[in-house]
Amino acid sequence: MKQVQTEQEYRDQIAKDELTVGIFTTTWCPDCKRLDMFIDEVIEENQDKHWIKVDRDEFPEISEEQNVMGIPSLLVFKNGEKLAHLHSANAKTQDAVREFINSIK
């Protein structure tokens, strides 16, 4: 999974003509650390998607633009358009994240 370093890199990544999953997290969030414990397995099962990680604290304007109110949140993009958003309250378990990702076609 690629850690986004600049706003332009983020914009380039979500503009791709493929499904891009953006995981919005922070370094201090307990639920984000729990997500880190199982997300690699979900990514492995979904290699047909492009995965990026966005630190909400480093990019608050992107988070606000995308209505990321809580963390972790998973957003799915294609051609720069947001197709789906798994809000933080629903992104706490591997099963919930897997079900969300599997629902995206």
PDB file of N, CA and C in Angstrom:
ATOM      1  N   MET A   1       0.847  -1.171   0.000  1.00  0.00           N
ATOM      2  CA  MET A   1       0.000   0.000   0.000  1.00  0.00           C
ATOM      3  C   MET A   1       0.896   1.239   0.000  1.00  0.00           C
ATOM      4  N   LYS A   2       0.560   2.183  -0.827  1.00  0.00           N
ATOM      5  CA  LYS A   2       1.360   3.394  -0.983  1.00  0.00           C
ATOM      6  C   LYS A   2       0.895   4.476  -0.013  1.00  0.00           C
ATOM      7  N   GLN A   3       1.828   5.029   0.746  1.00  0.00           N
ATOM      8  CA  GLN A   3       1.543   6.155   1.636  1.00  0.00           C
ATOM      9  C   GLN A   3       1.621   7.438   0.813  1.00  0.00           C
ATOM     10  N   VAL A   4       0.545   8.197   0.776  1.00  0.00           N
ATOM     11  CA  VAL A   4       0.500   9.439   0.006  1.00  0.00           C
ATOM     12  C   VAL A   4       1.383  10.486   0.681  1.00  0.00           C
ATOM     13  N   GLN A   5       2.245  11.131  -0.123  1.00  0.00           N
ATOM     14  CA  GLN A   5       3.186  12.121   0.407  1.00  0.00           C
ATOM     15  C   GLN A   5       2.799  13.565   0.077  1.00  0.00           C
ATOM     16  N   THR A   6       2.055  13.758  -1.024  1.00  0.00           N
ATOM     17  CA  THR A   6       1.670  15.112  -1.434  1.00  0.00           C
ATOM     18  C   THR A   6       0.216  15.117  -1.905  1.00  0.00           C
ATOM     19  N   GLU A   7      -0.380  16.298  -1.915  1.00  0.00           N
ATOM     20  CA  GLU A   7      -1.753  16.406  -2.402  1.00  0.00           C
ATOM     21  C   GLU A   7      -1.826  16.027  -3.878  1.00  0.00           C
ATOM     22  N   GLN A   8      -0.820  16.421  -4.665  1.00  0.00           N
ATOM     23  CA  GLN A   8      -0.829  16.076  -6.089  1.00  0.00           C
ATOM     24  C   GLN A   8      -0.750  14.563  -6.287  1.00  0.00           C
ATOM     25  N   GLU A   9       0.057  13.909  -5.484  1.00  0.00           N
ATOM     26  CA  GLU A   9       0.143  12.447  -5.574  1.00  0.00           C
ATOM     27  C   GLU A   9      -1.224  11.816  -5.279  1.00  0.00           C
ATOM     28  N   TYR A  10      -1.896  12.316  -4.261  1.00  0.00           N
ATOM     29  CA  TYR A  10      -3.242  11.831  -3.930  1.00  0.00           C
ATOM     30  C   TYR A  10      -4.169  12.001  -5.128  1.00  0.00           C
ATOM     31  N   ARG A  11      -4.175  13.187  -5.711  1.00  0.00           N
ATOM     32  CA  ARG A  11      -5.065  13.462  -6.849  1.00  0.00           C
ATOM     33  C   ARG A  11      -4.736  12.561  -8.039  1.00  0.00           C
ATOM     34  N   ASP A  12      -3.455  12.331  -8.282  1.00  0.00           N
ATOM     35  CA  ASP A  12      -3.044  11.437  -9.373  1.00  0.00           C
ATOM     36  C   ASP A  12      -3.517  10.007  -9.114  1.00  0.00           C
ATOM     37  N   GLN A  13      -3.410   9.560  -7.877  1.00  0.00           N
ATOM     38  CA  GLN A  13      -3.786   8.188  -7.530  1.00  0.00           C
ATOM     39  C   GLN A  13      -5.286   7.955  -7.701  1.00  0.00           C
ATOM     40  N   ILE A  14      -6.109   8.899  -7.232  1.00  0.00           N
ATOM     41  CA  ILE A  14      -7.560   8.680  -7.316  1.00  0.00           C
ATOM     42  C   ILE A  14      -8.095   8.904  -8.728  1.00  0.00           C
ATOM     43  N   ALA A  15      -7.301   9.530  -9.589  1.00  0.00           N
ATOM     44  CA  ALA A  15      -7.732   9.793 -10.969  1.00  0.00           C
ATOM     45  C   ALA A  15      -7.547   8.580 -11.878  1.00  0.00           C
ATOM     46  N   LYS A  16      -6.933   7.535 -11.365  1.00  0.00           N
ATOM     47  CA  LYS A  16      -6.666   6.348 -12.193  1.00  0.00           C
ATOM     48  C   LYS A  16      -7.960   5.710 -12.680  1.00  0.00           C
ATOM     49  N   ASP A  17      -7.845   5.037 -13.830  1.00  0.00           N
ATOM     50  CA  ASP A  17      -8.992   4.334 -14.417  1.00  0.00           C
ATOM     51  C   ASP A  17      -9.063   2.913 -13.851  1.00  0.00           C
ATOM     52  N   GLU A  18      -8.959   2.824 -12.552  1.00  0.00           N
ATOM     53  CA  GLU A  18      -9.095   1.560 -11.833  1.00  0.00           C
ATOM     54  C   GLU A  18      -9.619   1.904 -10.449  1.00  0.00           C
ATOM     55  N   LEU A  19     -10.164   0.923  -9.776  1.00  0.00           N
ATOM     56  CA  LEU A  19     -10.663   1.170  -8.427  1.00  0.00           C
ATOM     57  C   LEU A  19      -9.489   1.425  -7.494  1.00  0.00           C
ATOM     58  N   THR A  20      -9.535   2.559  -6.818  1.00  0.00           N
ATOM     59  CA  THR A  20      -8.506   2.929  -5.858  1.00  0.00           C
ATOM     60  C   THR A  20      -9.155   3.053  -4.494  1.00  0.00           C
ATOM     61  N   VAL A  21      -8.629   2.316  -3.529  1.00  0.00           N
ATOM     62  CA  VAL A  21      -9.131   2.371  -2.158  1.00  0.00           C
ATOM     63  C   VAL A  21      -8.193   3.261  -1.356  1.00  0.00           C
ATOM     64  N   GLY A  22      -8.747   4.334  -0.816  1.00  0.00           N
ATOM     65  CA  GLY A  22      -7.984   5.232   0.041  1.00  0.00           C
ATOM     66  C   GLY A  22      -8.337   4.968   1.490  1.00  0.00           C
ATOM     67  N   ILE A  23      -7.328   4.634   2.275  1.00  0.00           N
ATOM     68  CA  ILE A  23      -7.538   4.400   3.702  1.00  0.00           C
ATOM     69  C   ILE A  23      -7.068   5.651   4.437  1.00  0.00           C
ATOM     70  N   PHE A  24      -7.998   6.331   5.087  1.00  0.00           N
ATOM     71  CA  PHE A  24      -7.695   7.552   5.829  1.00  0.00           C
ATOM     72  C   PHE A  24      -7.488   7.174   7.292  1.00  0.00           C
ATOM     73  N   THR A  25      -6.294   7.478   7.808  1.00  0.00           N
ATOM     74  CA  THR A  25      -5.923   7.103   9.174  1.00  0.00           C
ATOM     75  C   THR A  25      -5.117   8.236   9.813  1.00  0.00           C
ATOM     76  N   THR A  26      -4.654   7.994  11.038  1.00  0.00           N
ATOM     77  CA  THR A  26      -3.654   8.836  11.693  1.00  0.00           C
ATOM     78  C   THR A  26      -2.709   7.901  12.442  1.00  0.00           C
ATOM     79  N   THR A  27      -1.634   8.463  12.939  1.00  0.00           N
ATOM     80  CA  THR A  27      -0.662   7.641  13.672  1.00  0.00           C
ATOM     81  C   THR A  27      -1.116   7.350  15.103  1.00  0.00           C
ATOM     82  N   TRP A  28      -2.016   8.166  15.645  1.00  0.00           N
ATOM     83  CA  TRP A  28      -2.382   8.055  17.057  1.00  0.00           C
ATOM     84  C   TRP A  28      -3.703   7.327  17.314  1.00  0.00           C
ATOM     85  N   CYS A  29      -4.413   6.935  16.283  1.00  0.00           N
ATOM     86  CA  CYS A  29      -5.767   6.397  16.405  1.00  0.00           C
ATOM     87  C   CYS A  29      -5.755   4.900  16.762  1.00  0.00           C
ATOM     88  N   PRO A  30      -6.351   4.501  17.904  1.00  0.00           N
ATOM     89  CA  PRO A  30      -6.377   3.082  18.288  1.00  0.00           C
ATOM     90  C   PRO A  30      -7.094   2.193  17.266  1.00  0.00           C
ATOM     91  N   ASP A  31      -8.218   2.660  16.714  1.00  0.00           N
ATOM     92  CA  ASP A  31      -8.935   1.853  15.723  1.00  0.00           C
ATOM     93  C   ASP A  31      -8.127   1.700  14.438  1.00  0.00           C
ATOM     94  N   CYS A  32      -7.303   2.703  14.120  1.00  0.00           N
ATOM     95  CA  CYS A  32      -6.431   2.606  12.937  1.00  0.00           C
ATOM     96  C   CYS A  32      -5.366   1.537  13.157  1.00  0.00           C
ATOM     97  N   LYS A  33      -4.847   1.463  14.367  1.00  0.00           N
ATOM     98  CA  LYS A  33      -3.846   0.433  14.680  1.00  0.00           C
ATOM     99  C   LYS A  33      -4.469  -0.965  14.586  1.00  0.00           C
ATOM    100  N   ARG A  34      -5.726  -1.087  15.003  1.00  0.00           N
ATOM    101  CA  ARG A  34      -6.423  -2.367  14.878  1.00  0.00           C
ATOM    102  C   ARG A  34      -6.618  -2.714  13.400  1.00  0.00           C
ATOM    103  N   LEU A  35      -6.994  -1.720  12.585  1.00  0.00           N
ATOM    104  CA  LEU A  35      -7.149  -1.923  11.146  1.00  0.00           C
ATOM    105  C   LEU A  35      -5.830  -2.407  10.541  1.00  0.00           C
ATOM    106  N   ASP A  36      -4.723  -1.822  10.981  1.00  0.00           N
ATOM    107  CA  ASP A  36      -3.401  -2.225  10.473  1.00  0.00           C
ATOM    108  C   ASP A  36      -3.122  -3.705  10.719  1.00  0.00           C
ATOM    109  N   MET A  37      -3.739  -4.276  11.751  1.00  0.00           N
ATOM    110  CA  MET A  37      -3.488  -5.675  12.091  1.00  0.00           C
ATOM    111  C   MET A  37      -4.092  -6.645  11.080  1.00  0.00           C
ATOM    112  N   PHE A  38      -5.140  -6.209  10.345  1.00  0.00           N
ATOM    113  CA  PHE A  38      -5.777  -7.138   9.407  1.00  0.00           C
ATOM    114  C   PHE A  38      -5.875  -6.639   7.967  1.00  0.00           C
ATOM    115  N   ILE A  39      -5.531  -5.390   7.716  1.00  0.00           N
ATOM    116  CA  ILE A  39      -5.770  -4.842   6.377  1.00  0.00           C
ATOM    117  C   ILE A  39      -4.907  -5.510   5.306  1.00  0.00           C
ATOM    118  N   ASP A  40      -3.714  -5.964   5.653  1.00  0.00           N
ATOM    119  CA  ASP A  40      -2.857  -6.613   4.649  1.00  0.00           C
ATOM    120  C   ASP A  40      -3.533  -7.848   4.057  1.00  0.00           C
ATOM    121  N   GLU A  41      -4.255  -8.583   4.880  1.00  0.00           N
ATOM    122  CA  GLU A  41      -4.959  -9.769   4.389  1.00  0.00           C
ATOM    123  C   GLU A  41      -6.074  -9.370   3.417  1.00  0.00           C
ATOM    124  N   VAL A  42      -6.789  -8.303   3.739  1.00  0.00           N
ATOM    125  CA  VAL A  42      -7.853  -7.819   2.853  1.00  0.00           C
ATOM    126  C   VAL A  42      -7.253  -7.329   1.533  1.00  0.00           C
ATOM    127  N   ILE A  43      -6.134  -6.626   1.609  1.00  0.00           N
ATOM    128  CA  ILE A  43      -5.453  -6.147   0.395  1.00  0.00           C
ATOM    129  C   ILE A  43      -5.013  -7.331  -0.453  1.00  0.00           C
ATOM    130  N   GLU A  44      -4.462  -8.346   0.179  1.00  0.00           N
ATOM    131  CA  GLU A  44      -4.007  -9.547  -0.531  1.00  0.00           C
ATOM    132  C   GLU A  44      -5.161 -10.197  -1.300  1.00  0.00           C
ATOM    133  N   GLU A  45      -6.342 -10.179  -0.710  1.00  0.00           N
ATOM    134  CA  GLU A  45      -7.526 -10.769  -1.346  1.00  0.00           C
ATOM    135  C   GLU A  45      -8.087  -9.884  -2.461  1.00  0.00           C
ATOM    136  N   ASN A  46      -7.640  -8.639  -2.526  1.00  0.00           N
ATOM    137  CA  ASN A  46      -8.200  -7.661  -3.469  1.00  0.00           C
ATOM    138  C   ASN A  46      -7.101  -6.953  -4.248  1.00  0.00           C
ATOM    139  N   GLN A  47      -6.249  -7.736  -4.870  1.00  0.00           N
ATOM    140  CA  GLN A  47      -5.140  -7.165  -5.618  1.00  0.00           C
ATOM    141  C   GLN A  47      -5.579  -6.522  -6.929  1.00  0.00           C
ATOM    142  N   ASP A  48      -6.848  -6.689  -7.285  1.00  0.00           N
ATOM    143  CA  ASP A  48      -7.372  -6.033  -8.482  1.00  0.00           C
ATOM    144  C   ASP A  48      -7.645  -4.551  -8.226  1.00  0.00           C
ATOM    145  N   LYS A  49      -7.511  -4.124  -6.982  1.00  0.00           N
ATOM    146  CA  LYS A  49      -7.716  -2.726  -6.620  1.00  0.00           C
ATOM    147  C   LYS A  49      -6.372  -2.095  -6.252  1.00  0.00           C
ATOM    148  N   HIS A  50      -6.288  -0.791  -6.446  1.00  0.00           N
ATOM    149  CA  HIS A  50      -5.097  -0.027  -6.085  1.00  0.00           C
ATOM    150  C   HIS A  50      -5.336   0.538  -4.682  1.00  0.00           C
ATOM    151  N   TRP A  51      -4.359   0.440  -3.804  1.00  0.00           N
ATOM    152  CA  TRP A  51      -4.526   0.839  -2.404  1.00  0.00           C
ATOM    153  C   TRP A  51      -3.579   1.976  -2.045  1.00  0.00           C
ATOM    154  N   ILE A  52      -4.120   3.011  -1.382  1.00  0.00           N
ATOM    155  CA  ILE A  52      -3.293   4.109  -0.884  1.00  0.00           C
ATOM    156  C   ILE A  52      -3.686   4.404   0.562  1.00  0.00           C
ATOM    157  N   LYS A  53      -2.757   5.016   1.275  1.00  0.00           N
ATOM    158  CA  LYS A  53      -3.006   5.401   2.660  1.00  0.00           C
ATOM    159  C   LYS A  53      -2.813   6.911   2.767  1.00  0.00           C
ATOM    160  N   VAL A  54      -3.773   7.579   3.413  1.00  0.00           N
ATOM    161  CA  VAL A  54      -3.732   9.029   3.569  1.00  0.00           C
ATOM    162  C   VAL A  54      -3.793   9.349   5.059  1.00  0.00           C
ATOM    163  N   ASP A  55      -2.803  10.088   5.558  1.00  0.00           N
ATOM    164  CA  ASP A  55      -2.809  10.513   6.958  1.00  0.00           C
ATOM    165  C   ASP A  55      -3.699  11.752   7.072  1.00  0.00           C
ATOM    166  N   ARG A  56      -4.796  11.608   7.791  1.00  0.00           N
ATOM    167  CA  ARG A  56      -5.754  12.711   7.894  1.00  0.00           C
ATOM    168  C   ARG A  56      -5.126  13.958   8.508  1.00  0.00           C
ATOM    169  N   ASP A  57      -4.191  13.783   9.431  1.00  0.00           N
ATOM    170  CA  ASP A  57      -3.551  14.936  10.061  1.00  0.00           C
ATOM    171  C   ASP A  57      -2.633  15.679   9.093  1.00  0.00           C
ATOM    172  N   GLU A  58      -2.025  14.964   8.154  1.00  0.00           N
ATOM    173  CA  GLU A  58      -1.145  15.601   7.173  1.00  0.00           C
ATOM    174  C   GLU A  58      -1.930  16.276   6.055  1.00  0.00           C
ATOM    175  N   PHE A  59      -3.146  15.802   5.789  1.00  0.00           N
ATOM    176  CA  PHE A  59      -3.953  16.329   4.687  1.00  0.00           C
ATOM    177  C   PHE A  59      -5.377  16.642   5.157  1.00  0.00           C
ATOM    178  N   PRO A  60      -5.521  17.598   6.085  1.00  0.00           N
ATOM    179  CA  PRO A  60      -6.857  17.902   6.612  1.00  0.00           C
ATOM    180  C   PRO A  60      -7.810  18.443   5.545  1.00  0.00           C
ATOM    181  N   GLU A  61      -7.275  19.172   4.563  1.00  0.00           N
ATOM    182  CA  GLU A  61      -8.158  19.736   3.537  1.00  0.00           C
ATOM    183  C   GLU A  61      -8.727  18.646   2.631  1.00  0.00           C
ATOM    184  N   ILE A  62      -7.942  17.619   2.341  1.00  0.00           N
ATOM    185  CA  ILE A  62      -8.446  16.484   1.553  1.00  0.00           C
ATOM    186  C   ILE A  62      -9.510  15.741   2.362  1.00  0.00           C
ATOM    187  N   SER A  63      -9.233  15.539   3.636  1.00  0.00           N
ATOM    188  CA  SER A  63     -10.187  14.842   4.500  1.00  0.00           C
ATOM    189  C   SER A  63     -11.507  15.596   4.569  1.00  0.00           C
ATOM    190  N   GLU A  64     -11.430  16.913   4.686  1.00  0.00           N
ATOM    191  CA  GLU A  64     -12.649  17.722   4.727  1.00  0.00           C
ATOM    192  C   GLU A  64     -13.379  17.659   3.383  1.00  0.00           C
ATOM    193  N   GLU A  65     -12.642  17.769   2.306  1.00  0.00           N
ATOM    194  CA  GLU A  65     -13.223  17.702   0.960  1.00  0.00           C
ATOM    195  C   GLU A  65     -13.977  16.388   0.742  1.00  0.00           C
ATOM    196  N   GLN A  66     -13.455  15.300   1.306  1.00  0.00           N
ATOM    197  CA  GLN A  66     -14.053  13.978   1.123  1.00  0.00           C
ATOM    198  C   GLN A  66     -15.005  13.591   2.259  1.00  0.00           C
ATOM    199  N   ASN A  67     -15.286  14.530   3.159  1.00  0.00           N
ATOM    200  CA  ASN A  67     -16.193  14.288   4.291  1.00  0.00           C
ATOM    201  C   ASN A  67     -15.728  13.148   5.190  1.00  0.00           C
ATOM    202  N   VAL A  68     -14.428  13.081   5.423  1.00  0.00           N
ATOM    203  CA  VAL A  68     -13.873  12.096   6.354  1.00  0.00           C
ATOM    204  C   VAL A  68     -13.946  12.720   7.748  1.00  0.00           C
ATOM    205  N   MET A  69     -14.966  12.330   8.492  1.00  0.00           N
ATOM    206  CA  MET A  69     -15.181  12.896   9.822  1.00  0.00           C
ATOM    207  C   MET A  69     -14.526  12.052  10.911  1.00  0.00           C
ATOM    208  N   GLY A  70     -14.464  10.749  10.694  1.00  0.00           N
ATOM    209  CA  GLY A  70     -13.865   9.848  11.668  1.00  0.00           C
ATOM    210  C   GLY A  70     -12.846   8.961  10.993  1.00  0.00           C
ATOM    211  N   ILE A  71     -11.996   8.371  11.810  1.00  0.00           N
ATOM    212  CA  ILE A  71     -10.959   7.494  11.277  1.00  0.00           C
ATOM    213  C   ILE A  71     -10.976   6.176  12.035  1.00  0.00           C
ATOM    214  N   PRO A  72     -10.603   5.095  11.413  1.00  0.00           N
ATOM    215  CA  PRO A  72     -10.247   4.989   9.996  1.00  0.00           C
ATOM    216  C   PRO A  72     -11.491   5.050   9.109  1.00  0.00           C
ATOM    217  N   SER A  73     -11.316   5.548   7.909  1.00  0.00           N
ATOM    218  CA  SER A  73     -12.368   5.538   6.892  1.00  0.00           C
ATOM    219  C   SER A  73     -11.767   5.016   5.601  1.00  0.00           C
ATOM    220  N   LEU A  74     -12.552   4.256   4.859  1.00  0.00           N
ATOM    221  CA  LEU A  74     -12.116   3.736   3.561  1.00  0.00           C
ATOM    222  C   LEU A  74     -12.983   4.357   2.481  1.00  0.00           C
ATOM    223  N   LEU A  75     -12.340   4.940   1.473  1.00  0.00           N
ATOM    224  CA  LEU A  75     -13.038   5.562   0.360  1.00  0.00           C
ATOM    225  C   LEU A  75     -12.594   4.882  -0.917  1.00  0.00           C
ATOM    226  N   VAL A  76     -13.516   4.700  -1.837  1.00  0.00           N
ATOM    227  CA  VAL A  76     -13.199   4.056  -3.109  1.00  0.00           C
ATOM    228  C   VAL A  76     -13.423   5.065  -4.230  1.00  0.00           C
ATOM    229  N   PHE A  77     -12.413   5.185  -5.097  1.00  0.00           N
ATOM    230  CA  PHE A  77     -12.444   6.138  -6.200  1.00  0.00           C
ATOM    231  C   PHE A  77     -12.200   5.432  -7.525  1.00  0.00           C
ATOM    232  N   LYS A  78     -12.678   6.053  -8.591  1.00  0.00           N
ATOM    233  CA  LYS A  78     -12.318   5.657  -9.952  1.00  0.00           C
ATOM    234  C   LYS A  78     -12.457   6.899 -10.819  1.00  0.00           C
ATOM    235  N   ASN A  79     -11.431   7.178 -11.603  1.00  0.00           N
ATOM    236  CA  ASN A  79     -11.426   8.360 -12.472  1.00  0.00           C
ATOM    237  C   ASN A  79     -11.720   9.645 -11.694  1.00  0.00           C
ATOM    238  N   GLY A  80     -11.220   9.729 -10.466  1.00  0.00           N
ATOM    239  CA  GLY A  80     -11.381  10.923  -9.655  1.00  0.00           C
ATOM    240  C   GLY A  80     -12.718  11.062  -8.954  1.00  0.00           C
ATOM    241  N   GLU A  81     -13.616  10.129  -9.162  1.00  0.00           N
ATOM    242  CA  GLU A  81     -14.948  10.189  -8.562  1.00  0.00           C
ATOM    243  C   GLU A  81     -15.032   9.235  -7.376  1.00  0.00           C
ATOM    244  N   LYS A  82     -15.574   9.732  -6.265  1.00  0.00           N
ATOM    245  CA  LYS A  82     -15.765   8.873  -5.093  1.00  0.00           C
ATOM    246  C   LYS A  82     -16.983   7.996  -5.332  1.00  0.00           C
ATOM    247  N   LEU A  83     -16.776   6.679  -5.275  1.00  0.00           N
ATOM    248  CA  LEU A  83     -17.844   5.718  -5.518  1.00  0.00           C
ATOM    249  C   LEU A  83     -18.467   5.191  -4.235  1.00  0.00           C
ATOM    250  N   ALA A  84     -17.679   5.130  -3.164  1.00  0.00           N
ATOM    251  CA  ALA A  84     -18.172   4.546  -1.917  1.00  0.00           C
ATOM    252  C   ALA A  84     -17.344   5.064  -0.751  1.00  0.00           C
ATOM    253  N   HIS A  85     -17.940   5.011   0.444  1.00  0.00           N
ATOM    254  CA  HIS A  85     -17.278   5.521   1.650  1.00  0.00           C
ATOM    255  C   HIS A  85     -17.702   4.640   2.823  1.00  0.00           C
ATOM    256  N   LEU A  86     -16.736   3.968   3.426  1.00  0.00           N
ATOM    257  CA  LEU A  86     -16.993   3.198   4.644  1.00  0.00           C
ATOM    258  C   LEU A  86     -16.580   4.077   5.817  1.00  0.00           C
ATOM    259  N   HIS A  87     -17.564   4.566   6.558  1.00  0.00           N
ATOM    260  CA  HIS A  87     -17.300   5.485   7.658  1.00  0.00           C
ATOM    261  C   HIS A  87     -16.675   4.745   8.840  1.00  0.00           C
ATOM    262  N   SER A  88     -16.001   5.497   9.672  1.00  0.00           N
ATOM    263  CA  SER A  88     -15.208   4.931  10.764  1.00  0.00           C
ATOM    264  C   SER A  88     -16.000   3.997  11.669  1.00  0.00           C
ATOM    265  N   ALA A  89     -17.246   4.313  11.944  1.00  0.00           N
ATOM    266  CA  ALA A  89     -18.046   3.469  12.841  1.00  0.00           C
ATOM    267  C   ALA A  89     -18.214   2.059  12.292  1.00  0.00           C
ATOM    268  N   ASN A  90     -18.119   1.912  10.976  1.00  0.00           N
ATOM    269  CA  ASN A  90     -18.308   0.608  10.338  1.00  0.00           C
ATOM    270  C   ASN A  90     -17.004  -0.027   9.863  1.00  0.00           C
ATOM    271  N   ALA A  91     -15.873   0.593  10.171  1.00  0.00           N
ATOM    272  CA  ALA A  91     -14.581   0.116   9.673  1.00  0.00           C
ATOM    273  C   ALA A  91     -13.724  -0.488  10.783  1.00  0.00           C
ATOM    274  N   LYS A  92     -14.367  -1.090  11.764  1.00  0.00           N
ATOM    275  CA  LYS A  92     -13.631  -1.568  12.936  1.00  0.00           C
ATOM    276  C   LYS A  92     -13.280  -3.049  12.906  1.00  0.00           C
ATOM    277  N   THR A  93     -13.930  -3.821  12.028  1.00  0.00           N
ATOM    278  CA  THR A  93     -13.642  -5.254  12.005  1.00  0.00           C
ATOM    279  C   THR A  93     -13.232  -5.703  10.612  1.00  0.00           C
ATOM    280  N   GLN A  94     -12.489  -6.786  10.571  1.00  0.00           N
ATOM    281  CA  GLN A  94     -12.048  -7.341   9.297  1.00  0.00           C
ATOM    282  C   GLN A  94     -13.245  -7.748   8.443  1.00  0.00           C
ATOM    283  N   ASP A  95     -14.254  -8.347   9.060  1.00  0.00           N
ATOM    284  CA  ASP A  95     -15.439  -8.772   8.306  1.00  0.00           C
ATOM    285  C   ASP A  95     -16.163  -7.583   7.684  1.00  0.00           C
ATOM    286  N   ALA A  96     -16.298  -6.483   8.434  1.00  0.00           N
ATOM    287  CA  ALA A  96     -16.988  -5.297   7.917  1.00  0.00           C
ATOM    288  C   ALA A  96     -16.215  -4.683   6.753  1.00  0.00           C
ATOM    289  N   VAL A  97     -14.903  -4.602   6.890  1.00  0.00           N
ATOM    290  CA  VAL A  97     -14.073  -4.040   5.821  1.00  0.00           C
ATOM    291  C   VAL A  97     -14.108  -4.951   4.602  1.00  0.00           C
ATOM    292  N   ARG A  98     -13.982  -6.245   4.817  1.00  0.00           N
ATOM    293  CA  ARG A  98     -14.010  -7.209   3.709  1.00  0.00           C
ATOM    294  C   ARG A  98     -15.350  -7.135   2.969  1.00  0.00           C
ATOM    295  N   GLU A  99     -16.451  -7.086   3.706  1.00  0.00           N
ATOM    296  CA  GLU A  99     -17.778  -7.009   3.088  1.00  0.00           C
ATOM    297  C   GLU A  99     -17.912  -5.735   2.247  1.00  0.00           C
ATOM    298  N   PHE A 100     -17.426  -4.614   2.777  1.00  0.00           N
ATOM    299  CA  PHE A 100     -17.471  -3.347   2.043  1.00  0.00           C
ATOM    300  C   PHE A 100     -16.665  -3.441   0.745  1.00  0.00           C
ATOM    301  N   ILE A 101     -15.431  -3.928   0.845  1.00  0.00           N
ATOM    302  CA  ILE A 101     -14.561  -4.017  -0.336  1.00  0.00           C
ATOM    303  C   ILE A 101     -15.155  -4.976  -1.362  1.00  0.00           C
ATOM    304  N   ASN A 102     -15.689  -6.088  -0.909  1.00  0.00           N
ATOM    305  CA  ASN A 102     -16.270  -7.067  -1.835  1.00  0.00           C
ATOM    306  C   ASN A 102     -17.532  -6.551  -2.517  1.00  0.00           C
ATOM    307  N   SER A 103     -18.165  -5.535  -1.939  1.00  0.00           N
ATOM    308  CA  SER A 103     -19.380  -4.976  -2.550  1.00  0.00           C
ATOM    309  C   SER A 103     -19.060  -4.010  -3.686  1.00  0.00           C
ATOM    310  N   ILE A 104     -17.794  -3.606  -3.799  1.00  0.00           N
ATOM    311  CA  ILE A 104     -17.375  -2.649  -4.827  1.00  0.00           C
ATOM    312  C   ILE A 104     -16.995  -3.404  -6.088  1.00  0.00           C
ATOM    313  N   LYS A 105     -17.616  -3.057  -7.174  1.00  0.00           N
ATOM    314  CA  LYS A 105     -17.308  -3.724  -8.454  1.00  0.00           C
ATOM    315  C   LYS A 105     -16.756  -2.737  -9.446  1.00  0.00           C
TER     316      LYS A 105
END
